[in-house]
């Protein structure tokens, strides 16, 4: 087989809509590892969330997180890639998020700050998450990634910030694992293609040795540099057209379907 690794997006790809890894997908990943393929997690999730799944599936040490803004090693916890949003952009973004009704998440170092309405129960949140009523007061000065849910807030951000910051910030619209629209913001120097190249260097290979799996726009740069690519069945036409192979939906074990085909044939013919 010409491939050495699989790079897997999480939400909408490896994870079901219930945010779990199916038994069939787990078995397929185990078979892939037995065949000598390494597993690279490449997610828009912040590192701590991505890390939990990476350990569950026996992934390789470099984990791509924050939609490519961070690559961190599982074994020693060190970052080998770390790109932040501009400070002035973050300040303007936080002001809009504070003024609008929305859920806004800012990911910094060891802490994830979330601004939302109401009084959430901290016991229901991951250990790294902290709630606030004001990102301008409590948000990270230079977050790796910001995620915004709320149509009014996203419209204001697009109108007021995109014209001035479009060359320095990625504005990516997508659908979350729970089916809600979300605006993902990262620095222009960060994408999954660049981050995959960093992860591959850590593993002594090139992106051409990798099969990339994904379902949304932030996976396209990873598709472009990988040796082959797999789109989930529910992905839109733009993502499907960019992929080497179109598999089943994430809730129909699309990752396993593609891995089983790859292990049987040694490659992924267009389909």
Protein backbone atom coordinates (compact mmCIF):
# COMPACT_ATOMS: atom_id res chain seq x y z
CA UNK A 1 0.00 0.00 0.00
CA UNK A 2 1.31 3.45 -0.91
CA UNK A 3 -0.27 5.23 2.07
CA UNK A 4 1.19 5.54 5.56
CA UNK A 5 -1.52 7.39 7.50
CA UNK A 6 -5.16 8.45 7.70
CA UNK A 7 -6.02 12.05 8.68
CA UNK A 8 -9.49 12.20 10.20
CA UNK A 9 -11.77 15.12 10.82
CA UNK A 10 -14.03 14.48 13.82
CA UNK A 11 -17.44 16.21 13.76
CA UNK A 12 -19.45 14.99 10.79
CA UNK A 13 -16.73 12.51 9.84
CA UNK A 14 -15.35 10.07 12.42
CA UNK A 15 -18.00 11.05 14.98
CA UNK A 16 -21.67 10.32 14.54
CA UNK A 17 -24.29 13.04 15.01
CA UNK A 18 -24.38 11.89 18.66
CA UNK A 19 -20.65 12.72 18.90
CA UNK A 20 -19.56 9.11 19.39
CA UNK A 21 -17.26 6.80 17.45
CA UNK A 22 -19.27 3.85 16.13
CA UNK A 23 -18.16 0.28 16.76
CA UNK A 24 -17.65 -0.30 13.05
CA UNK A 25 -15.43 2.78 12.78
CA UNK A 26 -13.42 1.64 15.80
CA UNK A 27 -12.90 -1.79 14.25
CA UNK A 28 -11.85 -0.23 10.95
CA UNK A 29 -9.30 2.00 12.66
CA UNK A 30 -7.93 -0.98 14.55
CA UNK A 31 -7.56 -2.85 11.25
CA UNK A 32 -5.86 0.19 9.69
CA UNK A 33 -3.33 0.36 12.51
CA UNK A 34 -2.71 -3.38 12.20
CA UNK A 35 -1.97 -2.80 8.51
CA UNK A 36 0.66 -0.21 9.45
CA UNK A 37 -1.34 2.97 8.93
CA UNK A 38 -1.01 5.73 11.51
CA UNK A 39 -4.07 7.72 12.60
CA UNK A 40 -3.91 11.53 12.65
CA UNK A 41 -6.79 13.42 14.24
CA UNK A 42 -7.41 16.70 12.36
CA UNK A 43 -10.31 18.62 13.86
CA UNK A 44 -11.85 22.06 14.26
CA UNK A 45 -12.33 21.16 17.93
CA UNK A 46 -10.06 22.69 20.52
CA UNK A 47 -7.18 20.49 21.63
CA UNK A 48 -8.67 19.03 24.81
CA UNK A 49 -11.78 17.79 22.97
CA UNK A 50 -9.72 16.43 20.09
CA UNK A 51 -7.28 14.80 22.50
CA UNK A 52 -10.01 12.72 24.14
CA UNK A 53 -11.04 11.18 20.83
CA UNK A 54 -7.41 10.79 19.71
CA UNK A 55 -6.62 8.69 22.76
CA UNK A 56 -9.81 6.66 22.32
CA UNK A 57 -8.87 5.66 18.76
CA UNK A 58 -5.12 5.19 19.31
CA UNK A 59 -4.07 8.18 17.22
CA UNK A 60 -0.48 9.25 16.55
CA UNK A 61 1.17 11.85 18.76
CA UNK A 62 0.60 15.01 16.65
CA UNK A 63 -3.03 16.16 16.90
CA UNK A 64 -4.32 18.86 14.56
CA UNK A 65 -6.78 21.05 16.49
CA UNK A 66 -8.56 24.40 16.18
CA UNK A 67 -9.17 23.94 12.44
CA UNK A 68 -5.44 23.84 11.78
CA UNK A 69 -4.37 26.67 14.09
CA UNK A 70 -2.65 24.21 16.46
CA UNK A 71 -0.67 20.99 16.26
CA UNK A 72 0.16 19.52 19.66
CA UNK A 73 1.87 16.28 20.59
CA UNK A 74 -0.07 13.81 22.72
CA UNK A 75 3.04 12.39 24.33
CA UNK A 76 4.62 15.55 25.79
CA UNK A 77 1.87 18.17 25.35
CA UNK A 78 4.15 20.52 23.39
CA UNK A 79 2.92 22.59 20.45
CA UNK A 80 4.77 22.21 17.16
CA UNK A 81 2.43 24.69 15.44
CA UNK A 82 0.46 27.53 17.04
CA UNK A 83 -1.15 30.41 15.11
CA UNK A 84 -3.33 33.05 16.80
CA UNK A 85 -5.97 35.53 15.67
CA UNK A 86 -4.73 39.15 15.57
CA UNK A 87 -5.17 40.98 18.87
CA UNK A 88 -7.04 43.94 17.35
CA UNK A 89 -9.38 41.60 15.49
CA UNK A 90 -10.14 39.69 18.69
CA UNK A 91 -10.93 42.95 20.48
CA UNK A 92 -13.42 44.02 17.77
CA UNK A 93 -14.93 40.53 17.62
CA UNK A 94 -15.48 40.39 21.37
CA UNK A 95 -17.27 43.75 21.34
CA UNK A 96 -19.74 42.45 18.74
CA UNK A 97 -20.27 39.17 20.57
CA UNK A 98 -20.93 40.99 23.84
CA UNK A 99 -23.49 43.25 22.15
CA UNK A 100 -25.33 40.47 20.29
CA UNK A 101 -27.26 37.46 21.51
CA UNK A 102 -25.04 34.49 20.62
CA UNK A 103 -22.87 31.67 21.86
CA UNK A 104 -19.24 32.68 21.33
CA UNK A 105 -16.27 30.49 22.15
CA UNK A 106 -12.67 31.71 22.34
CA UNK A 107 -9.90 29.13 22.63
CA UNK A 108 -6.64 30.17 24.21
CA UNK A 109 -4.10 28.03 26.02
CA UNK A 110 -5.33 25.80 28.85
CA UNK A 111 -8.73 27.50 29.01
CA UNK A 112 -11.74 27.83 26.72
CA UNK A 113 -13.94 30.85 27.42
CA UNK A 114 -17.60 30.74 26.36
CA UNK A 115 -19.98 33.68 26.32
CA UNK A 116 -23.68 32.81 26.25
CA UNK A 117 -26.98 33.99 27.62
CA UNK A 118 -28.45 32.69 30.87
CA UNK A 119 -26.81 30.85 33.76
CA UNK A 120 -25.27 27.59 32.53
CA UNK A 121 -24.38 24.81 34.92
CA UNK A 122 -20.55 24.62 35.07
CA UNK A 123 -20.73 20.98 36.16
CA UNK A 124 -22.03 20.04 32.69
CA UNK A 125 -19.06 21.60 30.89
CA UNK A 126 -15.61 20.12 30.16
CA UNK A 127 -13.00 20.90 32.79
CA UNK A 128 -11.19 23.36 30.52
CA UNK A 129 -14.30 25.45 29.81
CA UNK A 130 -15.20 28.64 31.68
CA UNK A 131 -18.38 30.67 31.16
CA UNK A 132 -18.49 34.44 31.03
CA UNK A 133 -20.99 37.20 30.32
CA UNK A 134 -18.34 39.33 28.58
CA UNK A 135 -15.55 38.23 26.24
CA UNK A 136 -14.26 41.80 26.21
CA UNK A 137 -13.56 41.39 29.92
CA UNK A 138 -12.61 37.71 30.13
CA UNK A 139 -11.69 36.57 26.61
CA UNK A 140 -8.19 35.62 25.51
CA UNK A 141 -6.25 38.49 23.95
CA UNK A 142 -5.05 36.28 21.08
CA UNK A 143 -7.23 33.17 20.72
CA UNK A 144 -6.28 30.34 18.38
CA UNK A 145 -9.86 30.03 17.17
CA UNK A 146 -13.24 31.63 17.79
CA UNK A 147 -16.55 29.92 17.10
CA UNK A 148 -19.80 31.88 16.89
CA UNK A 149 -23.38 30.57 16.90
CA UNK A 150 -26.17 33.08 16.35
CA UNK A 151 -27.36 34.36 12.97
CA UNK A 152 -27.58 38.03 14.01
CA UNK A 153 -24.08 38.10 15.50
CA UNK A 154 -22.60 36.29 12.50
CA UNK A 155 -24.24 38.77 10.12
CA UNK A 156 -22.77 41.71 12.03
CA UNK A 157 -19.31 40.08 12.10
CA UNK A 158 -19.44 39.47 8.36
CA UNK A 159 -20.59 43.01 7.65
CA UNK A 160 -18.28 44.90 10.01
CA UNK A 161 -15.15 42.76 10.20
CA UNK A 162 -14.80 40.73 7.02
CA UNK A 163 -14.06 43.69 4.67
CA UNK A 164 -11.14 44.92 6.79
CA UNK A 165 -9.82 41.57 7.99
CA UNK A 166 -10.53 39.21 5.09
CA UNK A 167 -6.85 38.96 4.14
CA UNK A 168 -5.73 38.19 7.71
CA UNK A 169 -8.56 36.00 9.03
CA UNK A 170 -10.37 32.94 7.69
CA UNK A 171 -14.16 33.36 7.92
CA UNK A 172 -15.61 29.83 7.56
CA UNK A 173 -19.30 29.01 7.70
CA UNK A 174 -20.25 25.42 8.48
CA UNK A 175 -22.77 23.21 10.26
CA UNK A 176 -21.94 21.86 13.71
CA UNK A 177 -22.32 18.19 14.65
CA UNK A 178 -25.70 19.05 16.16
CA UNK A 179 -26.83 20.66 12.89
CA UNK A 180 -26.51 24.32 13.90
CA UNK A 181 -24.85 26.98 11.70
CA UNK A 182 -21.50 28.09 13.05
CA UNK A 183 -18.93 30.70 12.05
CA UNK A 184 -15.34 29.59 12.60
CA UNK A 185 -12.59 32.21 12.73
CA UNK A 186 -8.86 31.48 12.53
CA UNK A 187 -5.81 33.42 11.40
CA UNK A 188 -5.02 33.34 7.68
CA UNK A 189 -1.81 31.43 8.36
CA UNK A 190 -3.72 28.51 9.84
CA UNK A 191 -5.49 25.79 7.89
CA UNK A 192 -5.69 22.01 8.00
CA UNK A 193 -3.42 21.63 4.97
CA UNK A 194 -0.55 23.52 6.60
CA UNK A 195 -1.17 21.78 9.92
CA UNK A 196 -1.25 18.34 8.26
CA UNK A 197 2.16 19.04 6.72
CA UNK A 198 3.50 19.88 10.20
CA UNK A 199 2.02 16.68 11.65
CA UNK A 200 3.45 14.62 8.80
CA UNK A 201 6.93 16.07 9.34
CA UNK A 202 6.68 14.97 12.97
CA UNK A 203 5.92 11.44 11.74
CA UNK A 204 8.63 11.34 9.09
CA UNK A 205 6.30 11.37 6.10
CA UNK A 206 4.71 13.80 3.63
CA UNK A 207 1.04 14.76 3.13
CA UNK A 208 1.16 12.72 -0.07
CA UNK A 209 1.44 9.62 2.14
CA UNK A 210 -1.92 10.40 3.78
CA UNK A 211 -5.59 9.76 3.06
CA UNK A 212 -7.60 12.71 4.42
CA UNK A 213 -11.22 12.33 5.58
CA UNK A 214 -13.64 15.24 5.99
CA UNK A 215 -17.04 16.76 5.38
CA UNK A 216 -16.79 20.56 5.33
CA UNK A 217 -15.00 23.58 3.89
CA UNK A 218 -12.15 23.62 6.39
CA UNK A 219 -11.16 20.13 5.15
CA UNK A 220 -10.53 21.30 1.57
CA UNK A 221 -6.94 22.46 2.19
CA UNK A 222 -6.22 19.06 3.73
CA UNK A 223 -7.77 17.39 0.66
CA UNK A 224 -5.54 19.46 -1.64
CA UNK A 225 -2.26 18.34 -0.06
CA UNK A 226 -3.15 14.73 0.81
CA UNK A 227 -2.39 11.79 -1.44
CA UNK A 228 -6.08 10.88 -1.50
CA UNK A 229 -9.22 12.20 0.14
CA UNK A 230 -12.56 10.90 1.35
CA UNK A 231 -15.73 13.02 1.63
CA UNK A 232 -18.58 11.91 3.84
CA UNK A 233 -21.85 11.20 2.11
CA UNK A 234 -23.68 14.13 3.72
CA UNK A 235 -21.05 16.68 2.59
CA UNK A 236 -22.17 19.31 0.10
CA UNK A 237 -21.34 19.06 -3.59
CA UNK A 238 -18.26 21.30 -3.35
CA UNK A 239 -16.63 18.97 -0.80
CA UNK A 240 -17.69 15.82 -2.63
CA UNK A 241 -16.31 17.14 -5.93
CA UNK A 242 -12.91 17.82 -4.33
CA UNK A 243 -12.56 14.29 -2.91
CA UNK A 244 -10.95 11.24 -4.44
CA UNK A 245 -13.70 9.05 -3.00
CA UNK A 246 -17.20 9.78 -1.68
CA UNK A 247 -18.18 7.44 1.15
CA UNK A 248 -21.33 6.90 3.19
CA UNK A 249 -22.67 9.44 5.67
CA UNK A 250 -21.05 9.84 9.09
CA UNK A 251 -24.08 8.15 10.69
CA UNK A 252 -23.67 5.25 8.24
CA UNK A 253 -20.02 4.48 9.16
CA UNK A 254 -18.59 6.42 6.23
CA UNK A 255 -15.05 6.27 7.66
CA UNK A 256 -15.23 2.49 8.02
CA UNK A 257 -16.66 2.05 4.51
CA UNK A 258 -13.67 3.89 3.02
CA UNK A 259 -11.06 2.19 5.21
CA UNK A 260 -12.46 -1.25 4.41
CA UNK A 261 -12.26 -0.44 0.70
CA UNK A 262 -8.73 0.94 1.09
CA UNK A 263 -7.47 -2.13 2.96
CA UNK A 264 -9.09 -4.50 0.47
CA UNK A 265 -7.91 -2.75 -2.71
CA UNK A 266 -4.81 -0.89 -1.53
CA UNK A 267 -6.13 2.39 -2.94
CA UNK A 268 -9.29 4.47 -3.34
CA UNK A 269 -10.55 4.68 -6.89
CA UNK A 270 -12.85 7.63 -7.68
CA UNK A 271 -16.50 6.86 -6.99
